[in-house]
Amino acid sequence: MWTRRQLSRSGPIKEYERFEAIAAQHRRDAQEATLDNVRERCRRSEDAWMKMAAQSRRTEQRRTEREEKAAALVA
């Protein structure tokens, strides 16, 4: 499910990276699907996972900004 790059680097996989990997799998599943309803279900699922990944990125960015502001106040 995760790419070799994600597994080989040091440190934990970020939540949004995991969501993007799952979305990519659903994209591949949609491309391979022979039934229209399965293809559409996979596309909807991919879209939902990408939306969750985007939200996770925004949350992480806000958290980082908040932590940087707090560190600047202490310094």
PDB file of N, CA and C in Angstrom:
ATOM      1  N   MET A   1       0.818  -1.182   0.000  1.00  0.00           N
ATOM      2  CA  MET A   1       0.000   0.000   0.000  1.00  0.00           C
ATOM      3  C   MET A   1       0.873   1.262   0.000  1.00  0.00           C
ATOM      4  N   TRP A   2       1.942   1.272   0.804  1.00  0.00           N
ATOM      5  CA  TRP A   2       2.819   2.433   0.830  1.00  0.00           C
ATOM      6  C   TRP A   2       3.925   2.240  -0.178  1.00  0.00           C
ATOM      7  N   THR A   3       4.431   3.355  -0.677  1.00  0.00           N
ATOM      8  CA  THR A   3       5.498   3.277  -1.664  1.00  0.00           C
ATOM      9  C   THR A   3       6.816   2.948  -0.977  1.00  0.00           C
ATOM     10  N   ARG A   4       7.750   2.479  -1.749  1.00  0.00           N
ATOM     11  CA  ARG A   4       9.070   2.132  -1.218  1.00  0.00           C
ATOM     12  C   ARG A   4       9.723   3.355  -0.581  1.00  0.00           C
ATOM     13  N   ARG A   5       9.559   4.530  -1.172  1.00  0.00           N
ATOM     14  CA  ARG A   5      10.140   5.758  -0.632  1.00  0.00           C
ATOM     15  C   ARG A   5       9.629   6.018   0.774  1.00  0.00           C
ATOM     16  N   GLN A   6       8.346   5.832   0.984  1.00  0.00           N
ATOM     17  CA  GLN A   6       7.764   6.093   2.292  1.00  0.00           C
ATOM     18  C   GLN A   6       8.258   5.093   3.330  1.00  0.00           C
ATOM     19  N   LEU A   7       8.447   3.855   2.935  1.00  0.00           N
ATOM     20  CA  LEU A   7       8.867   2.835   3.873  1.00  0.00           C
ATOM     21  C   LEU A   7      10.356   2.913   4.185  1.00  0.00           C
ATOM     22  N   SER A   8      11.156   3.411   3.261  1.00  0.00           N
ATOM     23  CA  SER A   8      12.596   3.388   3.439  1.00  0.00           C
ATOM     24  C   SER A   8      13.135   4.613   4.167  1.00  0.00           C
ATOM     25  N   ARG A   9      12.399   5.696   4.187  1.00  0.00           N
ATOM     26  CA  ARG A   9      12.922   6.893   4.838  1.00  0.00           C
ATOM     27  C   ARG A   9      12.803   6.765   6.349  1.00  0.00           C
ATOM     28  N   SER A  10      13.618   7.537   7.025  1.00  0.00           N
ATOM     29  CA  SER A  10      13.567   7.475   8.489  1.00  0.00           C
ATOM     30  C   SER A  10      12.385   8.285   8.987  1.00  0.00           C
ATOM     31  N   GLY A  11      11.880   7.895  10.135  1.00  0.00           N
ATOM     32  CA  GLY A  11      10.756   8.604  10.727  1.00  0.00           C
ATOM     33  C   GLY A  11       9.429   8.010  10.312  1.00  0.00           C
ATOM     34  N   PRO A  12       8.414   8.350  11.066  1.00  0.00           N
ATOM     35  CA  PRO A  12       7.083   7.804  10.766  1.00  0.00           C
ATOM     36  C   PRO A  12       6.477   8.413   9.502  1.00  0.00           C
ATOM     37  N   ILE A  13       5.586   7.667   8.900  1.00  0.00           N
ATOM     38  CA  ILE A  13       4.859   8.164   7.734  1.00  0.00           C
ATOM     39  C   ILE A  13       3.806   9.137   8.229  1.00  0.00           C
ATOM     40  N   LYS A  14       3.735  10.283   7.599  1.00  0.00           N
ATOM     41  CA  LYS A  14       2.749  11.283   7.999  1.00  0.00           C
ATOM     42  C   LYS A  14       1.358  10.809   7.599  1.00  0.00           C
ATOM     43  N   GLU A  15       0.377  11.260   8.348  1.00  0.00           N
ATOM     44  CA  GLU A  15      -0.994  10.824   8.113  1.00  0.00           C
ATOM     45  C   GLU A  15      -1.438  11.130   6.690  1.00  0.00           C
ATOM     46  N   TYR A  16      -1.136  12.335   6.190  1.00  0.00           N
ATOM     47  CA  TYR A  16      -1.588  12.692   4.841  1.00  0.00           C
ATOM     48  C   TYR A  16      -0.901  11.837   3.783  1.00  0.00           C
ATOM     49  N   GLU A  17       0.326  11.389   4.035  1.00  0.00           N
ATOM     50  CA  GLU A  17       1.000  10.510   3.082  1.00  0.00           C
ATOM     51  C   GLU A  17       0.298   9.156   3.021  1.00  0.00           C
ATOM     52  N   ARG A  18      -0.129   8.680   4.167  1.00  0.00           N
ATOM     53  CA  ARG A  18      -0.864   7.411   4.205  1.00  0.00           C
ATOM     54  C   ARG A  18      -2.183   7.554   3.448  1.00  0.00           C
ATOM     55  N   PHE A  19      -2.891   8.671   3.663  1.00  0.00           N
ATOM     56  CA  PHE A  19      -4.152   8.901   2.961  1.00  0.00           C
ATOM     57  C   PHE A  19      -3.931   8.965   1.448  1.00  0.00           C
ATOM     58  N   GLU A  20      -2.852   9.638   1.017  1.00  0.00           N
ATOM     59  CA  GLU A  20      -2.560   9.739  -0.413  1.00  0.00           C
ATOM     60  C   GLU A  20      -2.215   8.376  -1.005  1.00  0.00           C
ATOM     61  N   ALA A  21      -1.522   7.544  -0.233  1.00  0.00           N
ATOM     62  CA  ALA A  21      -1.192   6.200  -0.710  1.00  0.00           C
ATOM     63  C   ALA A  21      -2.458   5.359  -0.890  1.00  0.00           C
ATOM     64  N   ILE A  22      -3.388   5.490   0.043  1.00  0.00           N
ATOM     65  CA  ILE A  22      -4.650   4.761  -0.068  1.00  0.00           C
ATOM     66  C   ILE A  22      -5.435   5.268  -1.277  1.00  0.00           C
ATOM     67  N   ALA A  23      -5.448   6.583  -1.477  1.00  0.00           N
ATOM     68  CA  ALA A  23      -6.140   7.158  -2.644  1.00  0.00           C
ATOM     69  C   ALA A  23      -5.523   6.636  -3.942  1.00  0.00           C
ATOM     70  N   ALA A  24      -4.210   6.550  -3.975  1.00  0.00           N
ATOM     71  CA  ALA A  24      -3.532   6.051  -5.174  1.00  0.00           C
ATOM     72  C   ALA A  24      -3.923   4.597  -5.456  1.00  0.00           C
ATOM     73  N   GLN A  25      -4.067   3.813  -4.407  1.00  0.00           N
ATOM     74  CA  GLN A  25      -4.493   2.424  -4.594  1.00  0.00           C
ATOM     75  C   GLN A  25      -5.908   2.369  -5.168  1.00  0.00           C
ATOM     76  N   HIS A  26      -6.787   3.226  -4.682  1.00  0.00           N
ATOM     77  CA  HIS A  26      -8.154   3.257  -5.215  1.00  0.00           C
ATOM     78  C   HIS A  26      -8.164   3.735  -6.665  1.00  0.00           C
ATOM     79  N   ARG A  27      -7.256   4.648  -7.012  1.00  0.00           N
ATOM     80  CA  ARG A  27      -7.139   5.107  -8.400  1.00  0.00           C
ATOM     81  C   ARG A  27      -6.736   3.941  -9.296  1.00  0.00           C
ATOM     82  N   ARG A  28      -5.740   3.159  -8.843  1.00  0.00           N
ATOM     83  CA  ARG A  28      -5.315   1.983  -9.617  1.00  0.00           C
ATOM     84  C   ARG A  28      -6.452   0.971  -9.730  1.00  0.00           C
ATOM     85  N   ASP A  29      -7.174   0.765  -8.626  1.00  0.00           N
ATOM     86  CA  ASP A  29      -8.305  -0.164  -8.652  1.00  0.00           C
ATOM     87  C   ASP A  29      -9.358   0.287  -9.658  1.00  0.00           C
ATOM     88  N   ALA A  30      -9.607   1.597  -9.720  1.00  0.00           N
ATOM     89  CA  ALA A  30     -10.591   2.125 -10.671  1.00  0.00           C
ATOM     90  C   ALA A  30     -10.140   1.885 -12.111  1.00  0.00           C
ATOM     91  N   GLN A  31      -8.854   2.061 -12.361  1.00  0.00           N
ATOM     92  CA  GLN A  31      -8.335   1.850 -13.708  1.00  0.00           C
ATOM     93  C   GLN A  31      -8.440   0.390 -14.134  1.00  0.00           C
ATOM     94  N   GLU A  32      -8.333  -0.515 -13.159  1.00  0.00           N
ATOM     95  CA  GLU A  32      -8.369  -1.942 -13.465  1.00  0.00           C
ATOM     96  C   GLU A  32      -9.785  -2.526 -13.447  1.00  0.00           C
ATOM     97  N   ALA A  33     -10.733  -1.787 -12.910  1.00  0.00           N
ATOM     98  CA  ALA A  33     -12.098  -2.309 -12.761  1.00  0.00           C
ATOM     99  C   ALA A  33     -12.764  -2.502 -14.119  1.00  0.00           C
ATOM    100  N   THR A  34     -13.496  -3.580 -14.220  1.00  0.00           N
ATOM    101  CA  THR A  34     -14.216  -3.844 -15.465  1.00  0.00           C
ATOM    102  C   THR A  34     -15.696  -3.467 -15.342  1.00  0.00           C
ATOM    103  N   LEU A  35     -16.192  -3.400 -14.119  1.00  0.00           N
ATOM    104  CA  LEU A  35     -17.592  -3.030 -13.902  1.00  0.00           C
ATOM    105  C   LEU A  35     -17.705  -1.533 -13.605  1.00  0.00           C
ATOM    106  N   ASP A  36     -18.681  -0.892 -14.231  1.00  0.00           N
ATOM    107  CA  ASP A  36     -18.849   0.544 -14.054  1.00  0.00           C
ATOM    108  C   ASP A  36     -19.095   0.935 -12.600  1.00  0.00           C
ATOM    109  N   ASN A  37     -19.933   0.172 -11.911  1.00  0.00           N
ATOM    110  CA  ASN A  37     -20.247   0.529 -10.525  1.00  0.00           C
ATOM    111  C   ASN A  37     -19.013   0.406  -9.620  1.00  0.00           C
ATOM    112  N   VAL A  38     -18.170  -0.566  -9.882  1.00  0.00           N
ATOM    113  CA  VAL A  38     -16.939  -0.725  -9.098  1.00  0.00           C
ATOM    114  C   VAL A  38     -15.986   0.421  -9.403  1.00  0.00           C
ATOM    115  N   ARG A  39     -15.873   0.764 -10.673  1.00  0.00           N
ATOM    116  CA  ARG A  39     -15.008   1.873 -11.081  1.00  0.00           C
ATOM    117  C   ARG A  39     -15.451   3.181 -10.417  1.00  0.00           C
ATOM    118  N   GLU A  40     -16.752   3.441 -10.422  1.00  0.00           N
ATOM    119  CA  GLU A  40     -17.271   4.661  -9.805  1.00  0.00           C
ATOM    120  C   GLU A  40     -17.071   4.658  -8.293  1.00  0.00           C
ATOM    121  N   ARG A  41     -17.258   3.509  -7.661  1.00  0.00           N
ATOM    122  CA  ARG A  41     -17.041   3.409  -6.214  1.00  0.00           C
ATOM    123  C   ARG A  41     -15.583   3.711  -5.879  1.00  0.00           C
ATOM    124  N   CYS A  42     -14.664   3.180  -6.671  1.00  0.00           N
ATOM    125  CA  CYS A  42     -13.234   3.429  -6.444  1.00  0.00           C
ATOM    126  C   CYS A  42     -12.896   4.902  -6.652  1.00  0.00           C
ATOM    127  N   ARG A  43     -13.497   5.523  -7.636  1.00  0.00           N
ATOM    128  CA  ARG A  43     -13.244   6.955  -7.874  1.00  0.00           C
ATOM    129  C   ARG A  43     -13.786   7.814  -6.731  1.00  0.00           C
ATOM    130  N   ARG A  44     -14.953   7.469  -6.226  1.00  0.00           N
ATOM    131  CA  ARG A  44     -15.502   8.207  -5.081  1.00  0.00           C
ATOM    132  C   ARG A  44     -14.619   8.031  -3.854  1.00  0.00           C
ATOM    133  N   SER A  45     -14.144   6.818  -3.683  1.00  0.00           N
ATOM    134  CA  SER A  45     -13.274   6.534  -2.549  1.00  0.00           C
ATOM    135  C   SER A  45     -11.955   7.301  -2.681  1.00  0.00           C
ATOM    136  N   GLU A  46     -11.385   7.316  -3.870  1.00  0.00           N
ATOM    137  CA  GLU A  46     -10.156   8.081  -4.105  1.00  0.00           C
ATOM    138  C   GLU A  46     -10.380   9.548  -3.766  1.00  0.00           C
ATOM    139  N   ASP A  47     -11.475  10.100  -4.220  1.00  0.00           N
ATOM    140  CA  ASP A  47     -11.785  11.503  -3.957  1.00  0.00           C
ATOM    141  C   ASP A  47     -11.897  11.765  -2.452  1.00  0.00           C
ATOM    142  N   ALA A  48     -12.561  10.876  -1.743  1.00  0.00           N
ATOM    143  CA  ALA A  48     -12.721  11.049  -0.296  1.00  0.00           C
ATOM    144  C   ALA A  48     -11.367  10.990   0.415  1.00  0.00           C
ATOM    145  N   TRP A  49     -10.505  10.051   0.033  1.00  0.00           N
ATOM    146  CA  TRP A  49      -9.188   9.945   0.665  1.00  0.00           C
ATOM    147  C   TRP A  49      -8.327  11.160   0.348  1.00  0.00           C
ATOM    148  N   MET A  50      -8.433  11.698  -0.856  1.00  0.00           N
ATOM    149  CA  MET A  50      -7.659  12.897  -1.202  1.00  0.00           C
ATOM    150  C   MET A  50      -8.146  14.106  -0.409  1.00  0.00           C
ATOM    151  N   LYS A  51      -9.446  14.191  -0.172  1.00  0.00           N
ATOM    152  CA  LYS A  51      -9.970  15.278   0.656  1.00  0.00           C
ATOM    153  C   LYS A  51      -9.461  15.151   2.088  1.00  0.00           C
ATOM    154  N   MET A  52      -9.415  13.920   2.600  1.00  0.00           N
ATOM    155  CA  MET A  52      -8.883  13.721   3.954  1.00  0.00           C
ATOM    156  C   MET A  52      -7.395  14.065   4.004  1.00  0.00           C
ATOM    157  N   ALA A  53      -6.659  13.739   2.953  1.00  0.00           N
ATOM    158  CA  ALA A  53      -5.233  14.063   2.897  1.00  0.00           C
ATOM    159  C   ALA A  53      -5.035  15.577   2.894  1.00  0.00           C
ATOM    160  N   ALA A  54      -5.853  16.281   2.126  1.00  0.00           N
ATOM    161  CA  ALA A  54      -5.741  17.740   2.072  1.00  0.00           C
ATOM    162  C   ALA A  54      -6.043  18.355   3.438  1.00  0.00           C
ATOM    163  N   GLN A  55      -7.066  17.856   4.102  1.00  0.00           N
ATOM    164  CA  GLN A  55      -7.400  18.353   5.435  1.00  0.00           C
ATOM    165  C   GLN A  55      -6.262  18.065   6.419  1.00  0.00           C
ATOM    166  N   SER A  56      -5.686  16.897   6.318  1.00  0.00           N
ATOM    167  CA  SER A  56      -4.581  16.524   7.197  1.00  0.00           C
ATOM    168  C   SER A  56      -3.371  17.429   6.965  1.00  0.00           C
ATOM    169  N   ARG A  57      -3.082  17.745   5.701  1.00  0.00           N
ATOM    170  CA  ARG A  57      -1.982  18.672   5.393  1.00  0.00           C
ATOM    171  C   ARG A  57      -2.243  20.049   6.004  1.00  0.00           C
ATOM    172  N   ARG A  58      -3.464  20.540   5.859  1.00  0.00           N
ATOM    173  CA  ARG A  58      -3.793  21.855   6.425  1.00  0.00           C
ATOM    174  C   ARG A  58      -3.639  21.847   7.941  1.00  0.00           C
ATOM    175  N   THR A  59      -4.105  20.791   8.565  1.00  0.00           N
ATOM    176  CA  THR A  59      -4.006  20.678  10.013  1.00  0.00           C
ATOM    177  C   THR A  59      -2.549  20.664  10.451  1.00  0.00           C
ATOM    178  N   GLU A  60      -1.729  19.896   9.765  1.00  0.00           N
ATOM    179  CA  GLU A  60      -0.307  19.837  10.115  1.00  0.00           C
ATOM    180  C   GLU A  60       0.363  21.197   9.903  1.00  0.00           C
ATOM    181  N   GLN A  61      -0.002  21.882   8.828  1.00  0.00           N
ATOM    182  CA  GLN A  61       0.578  23.191   8.558  1.00  0.00           C
ATOM    183  C   GLN A  61       0.198  24.181   9.658  1.00  0.00           C
ATOM    184  N   ARG A  62      -1.062  24.177  10.058  1.00  0.00           N
ATOM    185  CA  ARG A  62      -1.494  25.072  11.140  1.00  0.00           C
ATOM    186  C   ARG A  62      -0.792  24.748  12.446  1.00  0.00           C
ATOM    187  N   ARG A  63      -0.628  23.469  12.730  1.00  0.00           N
ATOM    188  CA  ARG A  63       0.046  23.044  13.955  1.00  0.00           C
ATOM    189  C   ARG A  63       1.495  23.534  13.944  1.00  0.00           C
ATOM    190  N   THR A  64       2.167  23.374  12.812  1.00  0.00           N
ATOM    191  CA  THR A  64       3.551  23.823  12.688  1.00  0.00           C
ATOM    192  C   THR A  64       3.650  25.329  12.878  1.00  0.00           C
ATOM    193  N   GLU A  65       2.751  26.071  12.262  1.00  0.00           N
ATOM    194  CA  GLU A  65       2.750  27.535  12.414  1.00  0.00           C
ATOM    195  C   GLU A  65       2.530  27.931  13.870  1.00  0.00           C
ATOM    196  N   ARG A  66       1.601  27.257  14.522  1.00  0.00           N
ATOM    197  CA  ARG A  66       1.310  27.548  15.930  1.00  0.00           C
ATOM    198  C   ARG A  66       2.530  27.268  16.809  1.00  0.00           C
ATOM    199  N   GLU A  67       3.199  26.152  16.551  1.00  0.00           N
ATOM    200  CA  GLU A  67       4.384  25.790  17.325  1.00  0.00           C
ATOM    201  C   GLU A  67       5.523  26.776  17.085  1.00  0.00           C
ATOM    202  N   GLU A  68       5.687  27.238  15.843  1.00  0.00           N
ATOM    203  CA  GLU A  68       6.727  28.214  15.530  1.00  0.00           C
ATOM    204  C   GLU A  68       6.459  29.547  16.226  1.00  0.00           C
ATOM    205  N   LYS A  69       5.204  29.975  16.263  1.00  0.00           N
ATOM    206  CA  LYS A  69       4.838  31.215  16.958  1.00  0.00           C
ATOM    207  C   LYS A  69       5.112  31.089  18.450  1.00  0.00           C
ATOM    208  N   ALA A  70       4.752  29.941  19.026  1.00  0.00           N
ATOM    209  CA  ALA A  70       4.988  29.725  20.450  1.00  0.00           C
ATOM    210  C   ALA A  70       6.474  29.724  20.763  1.00  0.00           C
ATOM    211  N   ALA A  71       7.282  29.111  19.901  1.00  0.00           N
ATOM    212  CA  ALA A  71       8.727  29.067  20.104  1.00  0.00           C
ATOM    213  C   ALA A  71       9.329  30.463  19.987  1.00  0.00           C
ATOM    214  N   ALA A  72       8.794  31.282  19.069  1.00  0.00           N
ATOM    215  CA  ALA A  72       9.290  32.641  18.906  1.00  0.00           C
ATOM    216  C   ALA A  72       8.969  33.493  20.145  1.00  0.00           C
ATOM    217  N   LEU A  73       7.852  33.256  20.774  1.00  0.00           N
ATOM    218  CA  LEU A  73       7.490  34.003  21.971  1.00  0.00           C
ATOM    219  C   LEU A  73       8.394  33.644  23.144  1.00  0.00           C
ATOM    220  N   VAL A  74       8.818  32.388  23.200  1.00  0.00           N
ATOM    221  CA  VAL A  74       9.666  31.926  24.291  1.00  0.00           C
ATOM    222  C   VAL A  74      11.092  32.425  24.085  1.00  0.00           C
ATOM    223  N   ALA A  75      11.520  32.493  22.837  1.00  0.00           N
ATOM    224  CA  ALA A  75      12.922  32.876  22.531  1.00  0.00           C
ATOM    225  C   ALA A  75      13.208  34.320  22.755  1.00  0.00           C
TER     226      ALA A  75
END
